[in-house]
Amino acid sequence: MKPLNYAILKHFTKVNEACTEEVIDALRGQYGSFKALNKEDVLAALMTAEANGLLEESRFELDKDGILRVYYRAHKEGADTINKYIKD
């Protein structure tokens, strides 16, 4: 099993885009017992990946409760870098 942060990054090489909640839902089956699989920590991982040039914001929307969801995606160079260092 990969470290959680690696799994978060790797997820973005398999989807067009995702928000924090979608990442949590996708990883819950394998990482559900990890304390860091929560909105705050996953968002911090996504923002760090963005700051490091691996991900970029793709869009924003308000959910049904009026809470802002930020969507991220791995651009080609970011996905290539992720795949180079994190193998399946």
PDB file of N, CA and C in Angstrom:
ATOM      1  N   MET A   1       0.847  -1.175   0.000  1.00  0.00           N
ATOM      2  CA  MET A   1       0.000   0.000   0.000  1.00  0.00           C
ATOM      3  C   MET A   1       0.895   1.243   0.000  1.00  0.00           C
ATOM      4  N   LYS A   2       0.554   2.175  -0.856  1.00  0.00           N
ATOM      5  CA  LYS A   2       1.295   3.435  -0.942  1.00  0.00           C
ATOM      6  C   LYS A   2       0.968   4.342   0.248  1.00  0.00           C
ATOM      7  N   PRO A   3       1.871   5.264   0.582  1.00  0.00           N
ATOM      8  CA  PRO A   3       1.505   6.298   1.556  1.00  0.00           C
ATOM      9  C   PRO A   3       0.300   7.083   1.032  1.00  0.00           C
ATOM     10  N   LEU A   4      -0.511   7.599   1.923  1.00  0.00           N
ATOM     11  CA  LEU A   4      -1.735   8.294   1.534  1.00  0.00           C
ATOM     12  C   LEU A   4      -1.465   9.437   0.566  1.00  0.00           C
ATOM     13  N   ASN A   5      -0.467  10.258   0.828  1.00  0.00           N
ATOM     14  CA  ASN A   5      -0.197  11.388  -0.073  1.00  0.00           C
ATOM     15  C   ASN A   5       0.153  10.908  -1.481  1.00  0.00           C
ATOM     16  N   TYR A   6       0.849   9.789  -1.595  1.00  0.00           N
ATOM     17  CA  TYR A   6       1.149   9.227  -2.905  1.00  0.00           C
ATOM     18  C   TYR A   6      -0.138   8.781  -3.592  1.00  0.00           C
ATOM     19  N   ALA A   7      -1.019   8.138  -2.836  1.00  0.00           N
ATOM     20  CA  ALA A   7      -2.290   7.671  -3.402  1.00  0.00           C
ATOM     21  C   ALA A   7      -3.135   8.853  -3.872  1.00  0.00           C
ATOM     22  N   ILE A   8      -3.106   9.941  -3.127  1.00  0.00           N
ATOM     23  CA  ILE A   8      -3.848  11.144  -3.531  1.00  0.00           C
ATOM     24  C   ILE A   8      -3.320  11.646  -4.868  1.00  0.00           C
ATOM     25  N   LEU A   9      -2.014  11.792  -4.981  1.00  0.00           N
ATOM     26  CA  LEU A   9      -1.416  12.254  -6.233  1.00  0.00           C
ATOM     27  C   LEU A   9      -1.713  11.289  -7.375  1.00  0.00           C
ATOM     28  N   LYS A  10      -1.537  10.009  -7.126  1.00  0.00           N
ATOM     29  CA  LYS A  10      -1.749   9.002  -8.162  1.00  0.00           C
ATOM     30  C   LYS A  10      -3.193   9.009  -8.663  1.00  0.00           C
ATOM     31  N   HIS A  11      -4.126   9.322  -7.775  1.00  0.00           N
ATOM     32  CA  HIS A  11      -5.543   9.403  -8.165  1.00  0.00           C
ATOM     33  C   HIS A  11      -5.741  10.384  -9.317  1.00  0.00           C
ATOM     34  N   PHE A  12      -4.984  11.461  -9.304  1.00  0.00           N
ATOM     35  CA  PHE A  12      -5.151  12.493 -10.331  1.00  0.00           C
ATOM     36  C   PHE A  12      -4.570  12.095 -11.684  1.00  0.00           C
ATOM     37  N   THR A  13      -3.854  11.003 -11.736  1.00  0.00           N
ATOM     38  CA  THR A  13      -3.387  10.494 -13.025  1.00  0.00           C
ATOM     39  C   THR A  13      -4.422   9.563 -13.645  1.00  0.00           C
ATOM     40  N   LYS A  14      -5.488   9.276 -12.907  1.00  0.00           N
ATOM     41  CA  LYS A  14      -6.516   8.343 -13.370  1.00  0.00           C
ATOM     42  C   LYS A  14      -7.870   8.994 -13.610  1.00  0.00           C
ATOM     43  N   VAL A  15      -8.013  10.280 -13.239  1.00  0.00           N
ATOM     44  CA  VAL A  15      -9.271  11.003 -13.429  1.00  0.00           C
ATOM     45  C   VAL A  15      -8.975  12.329 -14.115  1.00  0.00           C
ATOM     46  N   ASN A  16      -9.992  12.894 -14.745  1.00  0.00           N
ATOM     47  CA  ASN A  16      -9.811  14.199 -15.389  1.00  0.00           C
ATOM     48  C   ASN A  16      -9.634  15.306 -14.367  1.00  0.00           C
ATOM     49  N   GLU A  17     -10.431  15.259 -13.311  1.00  0.00           N
ATOM     50  CA  GLU A  17     -10.366  16.251 -12.243  1.00  0.00           C
ATOM     51  C   GLU A  17     -11.096  15.688 -11.035  1.00  0.00           C
ATOM     52  N   ALA A  18     -10.852  16.290  -9.885  1.00  0.00           N
ATOM     53  CA  ALA A  18     -11.543  15.861  -8.666  1.00  0.00           C
ATOM     54  C   ALA A  18     -11.435  16.959  -7.624  1.00  0.00           C
ATOM     55  N   CYS A  19     -12.415  16.988  -6.735  1.00  0.00           N
ATOM     56  CA  CYS A  19     -12.378  17.889  -5.588  1.00  0.00           C
ATOM     57  C   CYS A  19     -12.010  17.058  -4.357  1.00  0.00           C
ATOM     58  N   THR A  20     -11.824  17.722  -3.262  1.00  0.00           N
ATOM     59  CA  THR A  20     -11.412  17.059  -2.022  1.00  0.00           C
ATOM     60  C   THR A  20     -12.362  15.916  -1.656  1.00  0.00           C
ATOM     61  N   GLU A  21     -13.646  16.168  -1.700  1.00  0.00           N
ATOM     62  CA  GLU A  21     -14.630  15.157  -1.311  1.00  0.00           C
ATOM     63  C   GLU A  21     -14.575  13.936  -2.227  1.00  0.00           C
ATOM     64  N   GLU A  22     -14.350  14.162  -3.518  1.00  0.00           N
ATOM     65  CA  GLU A  22     -14.263  13.042  -4.459  1.00  0.00           C
ATOM     66  C   GLU A  22     -13.014  12.205  -4.213  1.00  0.00           C
ATOM     67  N   VAL A  23     -11.916  12.855  -3.862  1.00  0.00           N
ATOM     68  CA  VAL A  23     -10.685  12.126  -3.541  1.00  0.00           C
ATOM     69  C   VAL A  23     -10.921  11.247  -2.313  1.00  0.00           C
ATOM     70  N   ILE A  24     -11.535  11.814  -1.298  1.00  0.00           N
ATOM     71  CA  ILE A  24     -11.816  11.058  -0.071  1.00  0.00           C
ATOM     72  C   ILE A  24     -12.702   9.859  -0.389  1.00  0.00           C
ATOM     73  N   ASP A  25     -13.754  10.069  -1.166  1.00  0.00           N
ATOM     74  CA  ASP A  25     -14.655   8.971  -1.530  1.00  0.00           C
ATOM     75  C   ASP A  25     -13.919   7.880  -2.301  1.00  0.00           C
ATOM     76  N   ALA A  26     -13.046   8.283  -3.226  1.00  0.00           N
ATOM     77  CA  ALA A  26     -12.328   7.312  -4.048  1.00  0.00           C
ATOM     78  C   ALA A  26     -11.338   6.481  -3.232  1.00  0.00           C
ATOM     79  N   LEU A  27     -10.749   7.081  -2.213  1.00  0.00           N
ATOM     80  CA  LEU A  27      -9.714   6.394  -1.438  1.00  0.00           C
ATOM     81  C   LEU A  27     -10.231   5.753  -0.157  1.00  0.00           C
ATOM     82  N   ARG A  28     -11.487   5.997   0.176  1.00  0.00           N
ATOM     83  CA  ARG A  28     -12.048   5.501   1.442  1.00  0.00           C
ATOM     84  C   ARG A  28     -11.936   3.990   1.587  1.00  0.00           C
ATOM     85  N   GLY A  29     -12.147   3.237   0.511  1.00  0.00           N
ATOM     86  CA  GLY A  29     -12.094   1.780   0.597  1.00  0.00           C
ATOM     87  C   GLY A  29     -10.760   1.256   1.089  1.00  0.00           C
ATOM     88  N   GLN A  30      -9.678   1.824   0.600  1.00  0.00           N
ATOM     89  CA  GLN A  30      -8.354   1.336   0.966  1.00  0.00           C
ATOM     90  C   GLN A  30      -7.737   2.119   2.127  1.00  0.00           C
ATOM     91  N   TYR A  31      -8.070   3.396   2.261  1.00  0.00           N
ATOM     92  CA  TYR A  31      -7.422   4.250   3.255  1.00  0.00           C
ATOM     93  C   TYR A  31      -8.382   4.774   4.322  1.00  0.00           C
ATOM     94  N   GLY A  32      -9.554   4.200   4.415  1.00  0.00           N
ATOM     95  CA  GLY A  32     -10.582   4.677   5.330  1.00  0.00           C
ATOM     96  C   GLY A  32     -10.170   4.725   6.794  1.00  0.00           C
ATOM     97  N   SER A  33      -9.216   3.913   7.180  1.00  0.00           N
ATOM     98  CA  SER A  33      -8.787   3.895   8.583  1.00  0.00           C
ATOM     99  C   SER A  33      -7.694   4.922   8.877  1.00  0.00           C
ATOM    100  N   PHE A  34      -7.215   5.629   7.877  1.00  0.00           N
ATOM    101  CA  PHE A  34      -6.159   6.624   8.063  1.00  0.00           C
ATOM    102  C   PHE A  34      -6.750   7.912   8.640  1.00  0.00           C
ATOM    103  N   LYS A  35      -6.132   8.415   9.704  1.00  0.00           N
ATOM    104  CA  LYS A  35      -6.600   9.658  10.326  1.00  0.00           C
ATOM    105  C   LYS A  35      -6.538  10.836   9.371  1.00  0.00           C
ATOM    106  N   ALA A  36      -5.575  10.834   8.464  1.00  0.00           N
ATOM    107  CA  ALA A  36      -5.380  11.961   7.554  1.00  0.00           C
ATOM    108  C   ALA A  36      -6.347  11.959   6.373  1.00  0.00           C
ATOM    109  N   LEU A  37      -7.197  10.950   6.256  1.00  0.00           N
ATOM    110  CA  LEU A  37      -8.181  10.938   5.177  1.00  0.00           C
ATOM    111  C   LEU A  37      -9.401  11.738   5.624  1.00  0.00           C
ATOM    112  N   ASN A  38      -9.213  13.045   5.678  1.00  0.00           N
ATOM    113  CA  ASN A  38     -10.281  13.978   6.038  1.00  0.00           C
ATOM    114  C   ASN A  38     -10.140  15.209   5.168  1.00  0.00           C
ATOM    115  N   LYS A  39     -11.174  16.022   5.146  1.00  0.00           N
ATOM    116  CA  LYS A  39     -11.219  17.160   4.227  1.00  0.00           C
ATOM    117  C   LYS A  39     -10.040  18.110   4.423  1.00  0.00           C
ATOM    118  N   GLU A  40      -9.727  18.440   5.644  1.00  0.00           N
ATOM    119  CA  GLU A  40      -8.650  19.409   5.918  1.00  0.00           C
ATOM    120  C   GLU A  40      -7.290  18.902   5.445  1.00  0.00           C
ATOM    121  N   ASP A  41      -6.955  17.663   5.768  1.00  0.00           N
ATOM    122  CA  ASP A  41      -5.645  17.121   5.405  1.00  0.00           C
ATOM    123  C   ASP A  41      -5.528  16.839   3.908  1.00  0.00           C
ATOM    124  N   VAL A  42      -6.600  16.354   3.296  1.00  0.00           N
ATOM    125  CA  VAL A  42      -6.564  16.106   1.854  1.00  0.00           C
ATOM    126  C   VAL A  42      -6.452  17.425   1.108  1.00  0.00           C
ATOM    127  N   LEU A  43      -7.184  18.446   1.545  1.00  0.00           N
ATOM    128  CA  LEU A  43      -7.078  19.759   0.916  1.00  0.00           C
ATOM    129  C   LEU A  43      -5.657  20.305   1.046  1.00  0.00           C
ATOM    130  N   ALA A  44      -5.035  20.129   2.187  1.00  0.00           N
ATOM    131  CA  ALA A  44      -3.649  20.575   2.373  1.00  0.00           C
ATOM    132  C   ALA A  44      -2.721  19.849   1.400  1.00  0.00           C
ATOM    133  N   ALA A  45      -2.946  18.553   1.194  1.00  0.00           N
ATOM    134  CA  ALA A  45      -2.123  17.795   0.246  1.00  0.00           C
ATOM    135  C   ALA A  45      -2.327  18.304  -1.178  1.00  0.00           C
ATOM    136  N   LEU A  46      -3.567  18.619  -1.538  1.00  0.00           N
ATOM    137  CA  LEU A  46      -3.855  19.127  -2.879  1.00  0.00           C
ATOM    138  C   LEU A  46      -3.233  20.502  -3.094  1.00  0.00           C
ATOM    139  N   MET A  47      -3.328  21.352  -2.094  1.00  0.00           N
ATOM    140  CA  MET A  47      -2.753  22.695  -2.213  1.00  0.00           C
ATOM    141  C   MET A  47      -1.223  22.628  -2.281  1.00  0.00           C
ATOM    142  N   THR A  48      -0.628  21.705  -1.559  1.00  0.00           N
ATOM    143  CA  THR A  48       0.823  21.517  -1.614  1.00  0.00           C
ATOM    144  C   THR A  48       1.238  21.029  -2.997  1.00  0.00           C
ATOM    145  N   ALA A  49       0.488  20.072  -3.535  1.00  0.00           N
ATOM    146  CA  ALA A  49       0.779  19.564  -4.875  1.00  0.00           C
ATOM    147  C   ALA A  49       0.640  20.673  -5.914  1.00  0.00           C
ATOM    148  N   GLU A  50      -0.342  21.544  -5.726  1.00  0.00           N
ATOM    149  CA  GLU A  50      -0.503  22.673  -6.644  1.00  0.00           C
ATOM    150  C   GLU A  50       0.693  23.630  -6.524  1.00  0.00           C
ATOM    151  N   ALA A  51       1.083  23.940  -5.304  1.00  0.00           N
ATOM    152  CA  ALA A  51       2.216  24.843  -5.080  1.00  0.00           C
ATOM    153  C   ALA A  51       3.508  24.268  -5.664  1.00  0.00           C
ATOM    154  N   ASN A  52       3.611  22.949  -5.708  1.00  0.00           N
ATOM    155  CA  ASN A  52       4.793  22.285  -6.253  1.00  0.00           C
ATOM    156  C   ASN A  52       4.685  22.012  -7.753  1.00  0.00           C
ATOM    157  N   GLY A  53       3.607  22.461  -8.379  1.00  0.00           N
ATOM    158  CA  GLY A  53       3.470  22.351  -9.824  1.00  0.00           C
ATOM    159  C   GLY A  53       2.987  21.016 -10.347  1.00  0.00           C
ATOM    160  N   LEU A  54       2.481  20.145  -9.475  1.00  0.00           N
ATOM    161  CA  LEU A  54       1.995  18.841  -9.924  1.00  0.00           C
ATOM    162  C   LEU A  54       0.523  18.877 -10.320  1.00  0.00           C
ATOM    163  N   LEU A  55      -0.255  19.711  -9.655  1.00  0.00           N
ATOM    164  CA  LEU A  55      -1.681  19.857  -9.937  1.00  0.00           C
ATOM    165  C   LEU A  55      -1.984  21.321 -10.221  1.00  0.00           C
ATOM    166  N   GLU A  56      -3.153  21.542 -10.822  1.00  0.00           N
ATOM    167  CA  GLU A  56      -3.633  22.907 -11.011  1.00  0.00           C
ATOM    168  C   GLU A  56      -5.136  22.940 -10.751  1.00  0.00           C
ATOM    169  N   GLU A  57      -5.616  24.094 -10.339  1.00  0.00           N
ATOM    170  CA  GLU A  57      -7.056  24.251 -10.157  1.00  0.00           C
ATOM    171  C   GLU A  57      -7.707  24.225 -11.530  1.00  0.00           C
ATOM    172  N   SER A  58      -8.815  23.491 -11.644  1.00  0.00           N
ATOM    173  CA  SER A  58      -9.493  23.414 -12.935  1.00  0.00           C
ATOM    174  C   SER A  58     -10.827  24.154 -12.949  1.00  0.00           C
ATOM    175  N   ARG A  59     -11.511  24.183 -11.812  1.00  0.00           N
ATOM    176  CA  ARG A  59     -12.784  24.927 -11.732  1.00  0.00           C
ATOM    177  C   ARG A  59     -13.238  25.013 -10.284  1.00  0.00           C
ATOM    178  N   PHE A  60     -14.274  25.810 -10.079  1.00  0.00           N
ATOM    179  CA  PHE A  60     -14.888  26.004  -8.770  1.00  0.00           C
ATOM    180  C   PHE A  60     -16.388  25.847  -8.926  1.00  0.00           C
ATOM    181  N   GLU A  61     -17.057  25.390  -7.870  1.00  0.00           N
ATOM    182  CA  GLU A  61     -18.517  25.371  -7.864  1.00  0.00           C
ATOM    183  C   GLU A  61     -19.014  25.342  -6.421  1.00  0.00           C
ATOM    184  N   LEU A  62     -20.255  25.734  -6.254  1.00  0.00           N
ATOM    185  CA  LEU A  62     -20.893  25.649  -4.948  1.00  0.00           C
ATOM    186  C   LEU A  62     -21.696  24.367  -4.903  1.00  0.00           C
ATOM    187  N   ASP A  63     -21.579  23.610  -3.805  1.00  0.00           N
ATOM    188  CA  ASP A  63     -22.373  22.388  -3.682  1.00  0.00           C
ATOM    189  C   ASP A  63     -23.791  22.754  -3.237  1.00  0.00           C
ATOM    190  N   LYS A  64     -24.610  21.750  -3.011  1.00  0.00           N
ATOM    191  CA  LYS A  64     -26.019  22.000  -2.664  1.00  0.00           C
ATOM    192  C   LYS A  64     -26.193  22.743  -1.349  1.00  0.00           C
ATOM    193  N   ASP A  65     -25.163  22.705  -0.493  1.00  0.00           N
ATOM    194  CA  ASP A  65     -25.216  23.409   0.783  1.00  0.00           C
ATOM    195  C   ASP A  65     -24.560  24.783   0.719  1.00  0.00           C
ATOM    196  N   GLY A  66     -24.134  25.195  -0.478  1.00  0.00           N
ATOM    197  CA  GLY A  66     -23.502  26.497  -0.644  1.00  0.00           C
ATOM    198  C   GLY A  66     -22.032  26.525  -0.248  1.00  0.00           C
ATOM    199  N   ILE A  67     -21.412  25.359  -0.150  1.00  0.00           N
ATOM    200  CA  ILE A  67     -19.990  25.276   0.211  1.00  0.00           C
ATOM    201  C   ILE A  67     -19.168  25.200  -1.073  1.00  0.00           C
ATOM    202  N   LEU A  68     -18.112  25.995  -1.128  1.00  0.00           N
ATOM    203  CA  LEU A  68     -17.254  26.043  -2.301  1.00  0.00           C
ATOM    204  C   LEU A  68     -16.460  24.750  -2.445  1.00  0.00           C
ATOM    205  N   ARG A  69     -16.485  24.203  -3.649  1.00  0.00           N
ATOM    206  CA  ARG A  69     -15.661  23.036  -3.982  1.00  0.00           C
ATOM    207  C   ARG A  69     -14.659  23.479  -5.040  1.00  0.00           C
ATOM    208  N   VAL A  70     -13.404  23.222  -4.766  1.00  0.00           N
ATOM    209  CA  VAL A  70     -12.335  23.534  -5.703  1.00  0.00           C
ATOM    210  C   VAL A  70     -11.914  22.225  -6.360  1.00  0.00           C
ATOM    211  N   TYR A  71     -11.913  22.209  -7.675  1.00  0.00           N
ATOM    212  CA  TYR A  71     -11.513  21.035  -8.433  1.00  0.00           C
ATOM    213  C   TYR A  71     -10.088  21.207  -8.926  1.00  0.00           C
ATOM    214  N   TYR A  72      -9.327  20.125  -8.866  1.00  0.00           N
ATOM    215  CA  TYR A  72      -7.945  20.111  -9.311  1.00  0.00           C
ATOM    216  C   TYR A  72      -7.782  19.076 -10.409  1.00  0.00           C
ATOM    217  N   ARG A  73      -6.738  19.266 -11.206  1.00  0.00           N
ATOM    218  CA  ARG A  73      -6.404  18.274 -12.221  1.00  0.00           C
ATOM    219  C   ARG A  73      -4.892  18.225 -12.358  1.00  0.00           C
ATOM    220  N   ALA A  74      -4.399  17.103 -12.845  1.00  0.00           N
ATOM    221  CA  ALA A  74      -2.979  16.968 -13.138  1.00  0.00           C
ATOM    222  C   ALA A  74      -2.785  17.298 -14.614  1.00  0.00           C
ATOM    223  N   HIS A  75      -2.068  18.371 -14.897  1.00  0.00           N
ATOM    224  CA  HIS A  75      -1.737  18.678 -16.294  1.00  0.00           C
ATOM    225  C   HIS A  75      -0.712  17.643 -16.773  1.00  0.00           C
ATOM    226  N   LYS A  76      -0.398  17.631 -18.046  1.00  0.00           N
ATOM    227  CA  LYS A  76       0.461  16.580 -18.609  1.00  0.00           C
ATOM    228  C   LYS A  76       1.800  16.485 -17.900  1.00  0.00           C
ATOM    229  N   GLU A  77       2.456  17.601 -17.681  1.00  0.00           N
ATOM    230  CA  GLU A  77       3.769  17.570 -17.030  1.00  0.00           C
ATOM    231  C   GLU A  77       3.663  17.069 -15.584  1.00  0.00           C
ATOM    232  N   GLY A  78       2.609  17.491 -14.897  1.00  0.00           N
ATOM    233  CA  GLY A  78       2.397  17.035 -13.528  1.00  0.00           C
ATOM    234  C   GLY A  78       2.124  15.545 -13.469  1.00  0.00           C
ATOM    235  N   ALA A  79       1.265  15.059 -14.356  1.00  0.00           N
ATOM    236  CA  ALA A  79       0.955  13.628 -14.402  1.00  0.00           C
ATOM    237  C   ALA A  79       2.197  12.818 -14.757  1.00  0.00           C
ATOM    238  N   ASP A  80       2.990  13.323 -15.700  1.00  0.00           N
ATOM    239  CA  ASP A  80       4.227  12.625 -16.070  1.00  0.00           C
ATOM    240  C   ASP A  80       5.175  12.532 -14.878  1.00  0.00           C
ATOM    241  N   THR A  81       5.292  13.613 -14.120  1.00  0.00           N
ATOM    242  CA  THR A  81       6.168  13.620 -12.947  1.00  0.00           C
ATOM    243  C   THR A  81       5.657  12.667 -11.880  1.00  0.00           C
ATOM    244  N   ILE A  82       4.364  12.717 -11.617  1.00  0.00           N
ATOM    245  CA  ILE A  82       3.767  11.802 -10.634  1.00  0.00           C
ATOM    246  C   ILE A  82       4.034  10.350 -11.032  1.00  0.00           C
ATOM    247  N   ASN A  83       3.777  10.020 -12.297  1.00  0.00           N
ATOM    248  CA  ASN A  83       3.962   8.653 -12.768  1.00  0.00           C
ATOM    249  C   ASN A  83       5.425   8.227 -12.781  1.00  0.00           C
ATOM    250  N   LYS A  84       6.325   9.182 -12.954  1.00  0.00           N
ATOM    251  CA  LYS A  84       7.745   8.861 -12.947  1.00  0.00           C
ATOM    252  C   LYS A  84       8.210   8.426 -11.554  1.00  0.00           C
ATOM    253  N   TYR A  85       7.706   9.089 -10.531  1.00  0.00           N
ATOM    254  CA  TYR A  85       8.183   8.828  -9.180  1.00  0.00           C
ATOM    255  C   TYR A  85       7.295   7.904  -8.351  1.00  0.00           C
ATOM    256  N   ILE A  86       6.027   7.780  -8.736  1.00  0.00           N
ATOM    257  CA  ILE A  86       5.102   6.918  -7.991  1.00  0.00           C
ATOM    258  C   ILE A  86       4.579   5.867  -8.958  1.00  0.00           C
ATOM    259  N   LYS A  87       5.065   4.675  -8.804  1.00  0.00           N
ATOM    260  CA  LYS A  87       4.669   3.568  -9.689  1.00  0.00           C
ATOM    261  C   LYS A  87       3.400   2.906  -9.166  1.00  0.00           C
ATOM    262  N   ASP A  88       2.650   2.301 -10.096  1.00  0.00           N
ATOM    263  CA  ASP A  88       1.445   1.553  -9.719  1.00  0.00           C
ATOM    264  C   ASP A  88       1.771   0.292  -8.981  1.00  0.00           C
TER     265      ASP A  88
END
